[in-house]
Protein backbone atom coordinates (compact mmCIF):
# COMPACT_ATOMS: atom_id res chain seq x y z
CA UNK A 1 20.48 150.04 -110.59
CA UNK A 2 19.37 146.67 -111.98
CA UNK A 3 22.10 144.96 -109.98
CA UNK A 4 20.88 146.69 -106.82
CA UNK A 5 17.27 145.59 -107.41
CA UNK A 6 18.43 142.03 -108.10
CA UNK A 7 20.37 141.96 -104.82
CA UNK A 8 17.34 143.31 -102.94
CA UNK A 9 15.11 140.55 -104.37
CA UNK A 10 17.65 137.96 -103.25
CA UNK A 11 18.04 139.31 -99.73
CA UNK A 12 14.33 139.97 -99.05
CA UNK A 13 13.36 136.31 -98.46
CA UNK A 14 16.40 135.82 -96.22
CA UNK A 15 15.46 138.90 -94.20
CA UNK A 16 11.89 137.60 -93.83
CA UNK A 17 13.14 134.21 -92.62
CA UNK A 18 15.44 135.94 -90.13
CA UNK A 19 12.57 137.99 -88.71
CA UNK A 20 10.27 134.97 -88.46
CA UNK A 21 12.99 132.94 -86.76
CA UNK A 22 13.22 135.63 -84.08
CA UNK A 23 9.50 135.81 -83.29
CA UNK A 24 10.10 134.53 -79.74
CA UNK A 25 12.32 137.56 -79.13
CA UNK A 26 9.33 139.80 -79.94
CA UNK A 27 6.68 137.88 -78.04
CA UNK A 28 4.67 141.02 -77.29
CA UNK A 29 3.98 141.37 -81.02
CA UNK A 30 2.90 137.70 -81.34
CA UNK A 31 0.47 137.24 -78.42
CA UNK A 32 -1.32 133.97 -77.70
CA UNK A 33 -3.92 135.26 -75.24
CA UNK A 34 -6.70 137.84 -75.08
CA UNK A 35 -4.82 140.17 -72.70
CA UNK A 36 -1.74 140.00 -74.90
CA UNK A 37 -3.81 140.83 -77.99
CA UNK A 38 -5.27 143.91 -76.34
CA UNK A 39 -1.85 145.06 -75.18
CA UNK A 40 -0.41 144.59 -78.67
CA UNK A 41 -3.20 146.76 -80.08
CA UNK A 42 -2.35 149.42 -77.51
CA UNK A 43 1.33 149.28 -78.47
CA UNK A 44 0.56 149.57 -82.19
CA UNK A 45 -1.88 152.45 -81.67
CA UNK A 46 0.69 154.34 -79.59
CA UNK A 47 3.34 153.62 -82.25
CA UNK A 48 1.00 154.88 -84.98
CA UNK A 49 0.34 158.13 -83.11
CA UNK A 50 4.05 158.63 -82.56
CA UNK A 51 4.82 158.05 -86.24
CA UNK A 52 1.97 160.39 -87.26
CA UNK A 53 3.85 163.14 -85.45
CA UNK A 54 7.46 162.15 -86.09
CA UNK A 55 7.29 161.36 -89.82
CA UNK A 56 5.69 164.69 -90.90
CA UNK A 57 8.15 166.61 -88.70
CA UNK A 58 11.13 164.84 -90.30
CA UNK A 59 9.77 165.37 -93.81
CA UNK A 60 8.94 169.04 -93.21
CA UNK A 61 12.36 169.63 -91.65
CA UNK A 62 14.04 168.32 -94.79
CA UNK A 63 11.64 170.24 -97.07
CA UNK A 64 12.19 173.53 -95.23
CA UNK A 65 15.96 173.02 -95.20
CA UNK A 66 15.91 172.45 -98.97
CA UNK A 67 13.37 175.13 -99.75
CA UNK A 68 15.02 177.90 -97.76
CA UNK A 69 18.64 177.08 -98.39
CA UNK A 70 20.97 180.02 -98.96
CA UNK A 71 21.45 179.25 -102.66
CA UNK A 72 17.69 179.31 -103.46
CA UNK A 73 17.04 182.90 -104.48
CA UNK A 74 13.41 182.13 -105.39
CA UNK A 75 12.43 181.43 -101.75
CA UNK A 76 10.59 184.21 -99.95
CA UNK A 77 12.82 186.14 -97.58
CA UNK A 78 10.81 187.68 -94.71
CA UNK A 79 13.11 188.54 -91.79
CA UNK A 80 10.42 190.57 -90.00
CA UNK A 81 7.73 187.85 -90.21
CA UNK A 82 6.29 187.17 -86.72
CA UNK A 83 2.80 185.65 -86.75
CA UNK A 84 0.42 183.42 -88.71
CA UNK A 85 -3.07 182.47 -87.49
CA UNK A 86 -3.10 179.41 -89.72
CA UNK A 87 0.18 178.06 -88.39
CA UNK A 88 -0.83 178.81 -84.79
CA UNK A 89 -4.08 176.91 -85.32
CA UNK A 90 -2.30 173.86 -86.69
CA UNK A 91 0.50 173.66 -84.11
CA UNK A 92 -1.99 173.94 -81.20
CA UNK A 93 -4.95 171.98 -82.52
CA UNK A 94 -3.06 168.82 -83.51
CA UNK A 95 -1.28 168.34 -80.14
CA UNK A 96 -4.52 169.03 -78.26
CA UNK A 97 -6.37 166.40 -80.30
CA UNK A 98 -3.56 163.89 -79.74
CA UNK A 99 -3.55 164.51 -75.98
CA UNK A 100 -7.36 164.20 -75.86
CA UNK A 101 -7.30 160.94 -77.80
CA UNK A 102 -4.55 159.50 -75.59
CA UNK A 103 -6.37 160.58 -72.42
CA UNK A 104 -9.55 158.74 -73.45
CA UNK A 105 -7.64 155.66 -74.60
CA UNK A 106 -5.57 155.49 -71.40
CA UNK A 107 -8.66 155.86 -69.23
CA UNK A 108 -10.40 153.00 -71.03
CA UNK A 109 -7.44 150.63 -71.23
CA UNK A 110 -6.34 151.29 -67.64
CA UNK A 111 -9.67 149.90 -66.41
CA UNK A 112 -10.07 147.27 -69.11
CA UNK A 113 -6.57 145.81 -68.63
CA UNK A 114 -6.49 146.11 -64.84
CA UNK A 115 -4.51 142.99 -63.76
CA UNK A 116 -6.76 142.62 -60.70
CA UNK A 117 -9.92 142.40 -62.82
CA UNK A 118 -11.11 138.80 -63.41
CA UNK A 119 -11.61 137.70 -67.00
CA UNK A 120 -15.12 137.05 -68.23
CA UNK A 121 -15.56 133.42 -69.25
CA UNK A 122 -18.10 130.62 -69.10
CA UNK A 123 -15.28 128.28 -68.04
CA UNK A 124 -14.41 128.23 -64.31
CA UNK A 125 -10.92 129.67 -63.72
CA UNK A 126 -7.91 127.76 -62.46
CA UNK A 127 -6.29 129.27 -59.37
CA UNK A 128 -2.50 129.40 -59.12
CA UNK A 129 -0.47 130.78 -56.22
CA UNK A 130 2.94 132.04 -57.35
CA UNK A 131 5.97 132.41 -55.09
CA UNK A 132 9.15 134.07 -56.36
CA UNK A 133 12.10 132.33 -54.74
CA UNK A 134 15.85 132.85 -55.14
CA UNK A 135 16.14 132.04 -58.07
CA UNK A 136 13.21 129.92 -59.17
CA UNK A 137 9.43 130.02 -59.39
CA UNK A 138 7.07 127.99 -57.21
CA UNK A 139 3.52 127.43 -58.50
CA UNK A 140 0.88 126.10 -56.09
CA UNK A 141 -2.49 124.81 -57.33
CA UNK A 142 -4.64 125.12 -54.17
CA UNK A 143 -7.71 123.50 -55.73
CA UNK A 144 -5.74 120.35 -56.56
CA UNK A 145 -3.29 120.23 -53.65
CA UNK A 146 -0.23 120.12 -55.92
CA UNK A 147 2.71 122.36 -56.78
CA UNK A 148 5.44 122.71 -59.40
CA UNK A 149 8.80 124.44 -59.68
CA UNK A 150 9.85 126.26 -62.87
CA UNK A 151 6.99 124.84 -64.93
CA UNK A 152 3.42 126.12 -65.21
CA UNK A 153 0.99 123.70 -66.90
CA UNK A 154 -2.36 125.39 -67.61
CA UNK A 155 -5.47 124.50 -69.65
CA UNK A 156 -5.90 126.52 -72.84
CA UNK A 157 -9.09 128.57 -73.11
CA UNK A 158 -9.42 128.76 -69.33
CA UNK A 159 -8.82 131.92 -67.24
CA UNK A 160 -5.92 131.61 -64.82
CA UNK A 161 -6.27 133.56 -61.58
CA UNK A 162 -2.84 134.23 -60.11
CA UNK A 163 -2.02 135.31 -56.56
CA UNK A 164 1.63 136.32 -56.24
CA UNK A 165 4.16 136.96 -53.51
CA UNK A 166 7.91 136.68 -52.96
CA UNK A 167 9.80 134.81 -50.28
CA UNK A 168 12.35 137.61 -49.94
CA UNK A 169 13.58 139.83 -52.80
CA UNK A 170 10.97 141.65 -54.88
CA UNK A 171 10.52 140.19 -58.35
CA UNK A 172 8.33 140.56 -61.42
CA UNK A 173 6.30 137.75 -63.02
CA UNK A 174 5.99 137.92 -66.81
CA UNK A 175 4.77 135.61 -69.60
CA UNK A 176 5.27 137.84 -72.68
CA UNK A 177 3.01 135.82 -75.02
CA UNK A 178 0.08 136.02 -72.62
CA UNK A 179 0.27 139.63 -71.46
CA UNK A 180 0.71 141.76 -68.38
CA UNK A 181 3.55 141.51 -65.92
CA UNK A 182 3.06 142.14 -62.21
CA UNK A 183 5.36 142.45 -59.21
CA UNK A 184 5.73 139.82 -56.52
CA UNK A 185 6.79 141.34 -53.18
CA UNK A 186 7.71 139.82 -49.84
CA UNK A 187 5.02 140.23 -47.19
CA UNK A 188 2.49 141.37 -49.81
CA UNK A 189 0.08 139.76 -52.25
CA UNK A 190 -0.65 140.88 -55.80
CA UNK A 191 -2.99 139.48 -58.45
CA UNK A 192 -2.99 138.79 -62.16
CA UNK A 193 -5.51 137.28 -64.56
CA UNK A 194 -4.38 135.75 -67.86
CA UNK A 195 -5.62 133.28 -70.46
CA UNK A 196 -3.96 131.23 -73.20
CA UNK A 197 -6.19 131.07 -76.26
CA UNK A 198 -4.44 128.07 -77.77
CA UNK A 199 -2.14 125.22 -76.71
CA UNK A 200 1.58 125.89 -76.76
CA UNK A 201 4.73 126.40 -74.72
CA UNK A 202 5.21 130.01 -73.70
CA UNK A 203 8.44 131.14 -72.00
CA UNK A 204 8.06 132.93 -68.68
CA UNK A 205 10.68 134.96 -66.90
CA UNK A 206 11.64 137.28 -64.13
CA UNK A 207 11.59 140.84 -65.46
CA UNK A 208 13.07 142.56 -62.39
CA UNK A 209 16.71 142.15 -61.37
CA UNK A 210 16.89 140.15 -58.17
CA UNK A 211 20.51 139.16 -57.71
CA UNK A 212 23.16 136.86 -59.13
CA UNK A 213 20.75 134.12 -60.26
CA UNK A 214 18.38 136.49 -62.05
CA UNK A 215 19.47 135.58 -65.59
CA UNK A 216 18.51 131.91 -65.07
CA UNK A 217 15.14 132.57 -63.41
CA UNK A 218 13.01 131.21 -66.25
CA UNK A 219 10.04 128.86 -66.49
CA UNK A 220 7.73 127.42 -69.14
CA UNK A 221 3.98 127.98 -69.25
CA UNK A 222 2.66 124.83 -70.92
CA UNK A 223 -0.88 125.32 -72.25
CA UNK A 224 -2.70 122.10 -73.19
CA UNK A 225 -6.28 121.01 -73.80
CA UNK A 226 -8.38 120.42 -70.68
CA UNK A 227 -8.23 116.62 -70.87
CA UNK A 228 -4.42 116.66 -70.99
CA UNK A 229 -4.28 119.11 -68.10
CA UNK A 230 -6.62 116.99 -65.96
CA UNK A 231 -4.53 113.89 -66.69
CA UNK A 232 -1.39 115.77 -65.64
CA UNK A 233 -3.06 116.83 -62.36
CA UNK A 234 -3.98 113.21 -61.55
CA UNK A 235 -0.42 112.12 -62.29
CA UNK A 236 1.12 114.78 -60.05
CA UNK A 237 -1.29 113.96 -57.22
CA UNK A 238 0.41 110.55 -57.02
CA UNK A 239 3.89 112.08 -56.79
CA UNK A 240 6.10 110.93 -53.93
CA UNK A 241 7.36 114.45 -53.14
CA UNK A 242 5.52 116.37 -50.43
CA UNK A 243 5.65 120.13 -50.01
CA UNK A 244 5.25 120.98 -46.34
CA UNK A 245 6.95 123.65 -44.22
CA UNK A 246 10.12 121.60 -43.78
CA UNK A 247 10.56 120.79 -47.49
CA UNK A 248 9.64 124.37 -48.41
CA UNK A 249 12.41 125.69 -46.14
CA UNK A 250 14.87 123.52 -48.06
CA UNK A 251 13.41 124.57 -51.43
CA UNK A 252 13.59 128.27 -50.53
CA UNK A 253 17.38 128.18 -50.20
CA UNK A 254 19.06 130.13 -53.06
CA UNK A 255 19.78 127.98 -56.11
CA UNK A 256 19.90 128.38 -59.88
CA UNK A 257 18.90 126.35 -62.94
CA UNK A 258 16.50 124.15 -61.00
CA UNK A 259 14.93 121.40 -63.10
CA UNK A 260 11.11 121.34 -63.21
CA UNK A 261 9.78 119.47 -60.17
CA UNK A 262 6.29 118.46 -59.04
CA UNK A 263 4.92 118.05 -55.51
CA UNK A 264 1.81 116.38 -54.10
CA UNK A 265 0.05 116.92 -50.77
CA UNK A 266 0.96 120.60 -50.49
CA UNK A 267 0.34 122.30 -47.15
CA UNK A 268 -2.92 124.26 -47.80
CA UNK A 269 -1.71 127.16 -45.63
CA UNK A 270 1.72 127.38 -47.22
CA UNK A 271 1.07 130.41 -49.43
CA UNK A 272 -0.58 132.40 -46.63
CA UNK A 273 2.29 131.51 -44.30
CA UNK A 274 4.80 132.80 -46.87
CA UNK A 275 2.88 136.07 -47.24
CA UNK A 276 2.55 136.53 -43.47
CA UNK A 277 6.08 135.52 -42.48
CA UNK A 278 7.10 139.16 -42.01
CA UNK A 279 3.92 140.32 -40.28
CA UNK A 280 4.83 139.80 -36.56
CA UNK A 281 7.82 142.15 -36.72
CA UNK A 282 5.68 144.77 -38.47
CA UNK A 283 2.63 144.59 -36.22
CA UNK A 284 4.05 144.23 -32.71
CA UNK A 285 5.17 147.88 -32.26
CA UNK A 286 1.80 149.17 -33.40
CA UNK A 287 0.03 146.68 -31.15
CA UNK A 288 2.10 147.77 -28.15
CA UNK A 289 1.40 151.44 -28.85
CA UNK A 290 -2.31 150.74 -29.06
CA UNK A 291 -2.25 148.96 -25.69
CA UNK A 292 -0.42 151.90 -24.11
CA UNK A 293 -2.96 154.37 -25.51
CA UNK A 294 -5.82 152.29 -24.08
CA UNK A 295 -4.21 152.21 -20.61
CA UNK A 296 -2.98 155.79 -20.36
CA UNK A 297 -5.62 157.51 -22.46
CA UNK A 298 -5.00 160.33 -24.96
CA UNK A 299 -2.50 163.01 -23.98
CA UNK A 300 -3.56 166.54 -24.80
CA UNK A 301 -3.54 170.02 -23.28
CA UNK A 302 -2.40 170.09 -19.61
CA UNK A 303 -1.52 166.37 -19.61
CA UNK A 304 0.91 166.82 -22.50
CA UNK A 305 2.49 169.87 -20.82
CA UNK A 306 2.81 167.98 -17.54
CA UNK A 307 4.40 165.04 -19.33
CA UNK A 308 6.87 167.38 -21.00
CA UNK A 309 7.92 168.71 -17.61
């Protein structure tokens, strides 16, 4: 026994170091932003409720198995037992209370953590337009006229308002340390609001399979103080690379493991053009049907019967 305790004391610090070394693999439990903190609380509360049910059930199962084993002649044997008001009260009241608690919590957190809801802050937000390409991420800063690939510099302590779309295949944008993930879909626009509470480098990734280059579709969210961010913006604005429709067409070609790249003088309509690139094919049939209805008028009653003939 003493040898076992001695081995446990030796291994405990090593186990702690192993867990701490793998913190990045459990980013949801080590958030660096307000949204992430709220989501971690939600995860831990849900885990606590689950354990409050599972642990007593496991313990009682073992206790009952031991108490009413065949060799225990002191246990009460009641083969005709059928009902107990006390037991019925417990097995119905506890689940009802749990469901009620979860219902209230889900209602509150669903509205509070709505990804479309802007974050309250005295600091003006930074707008970022995100485009999921095959297989890389394009970040456009419309207020500064710049863009980056596979790197997302942001100021710490400042809300970031994301607008997201995809050039083709649907994808999912996720920075685990900062919070919620949201889908990016071709021909559609979604939104997300996040904030980094402190400077740091936070890995971002694609969390929806999108083809052969999916496993390398990573980026870094680099949170810095505001002065450093502003200096970076000024530096990028003097970049020689321009992101217009022609260069975007080249960038959008499938590729993997793209090095971080910065662009200046970005086409201000680029994001909207990417979102709307599929619209003509979707709207023309409806438009033609509307024109026909205006010319011919509604068909009903005798007109419909005559047309059928």
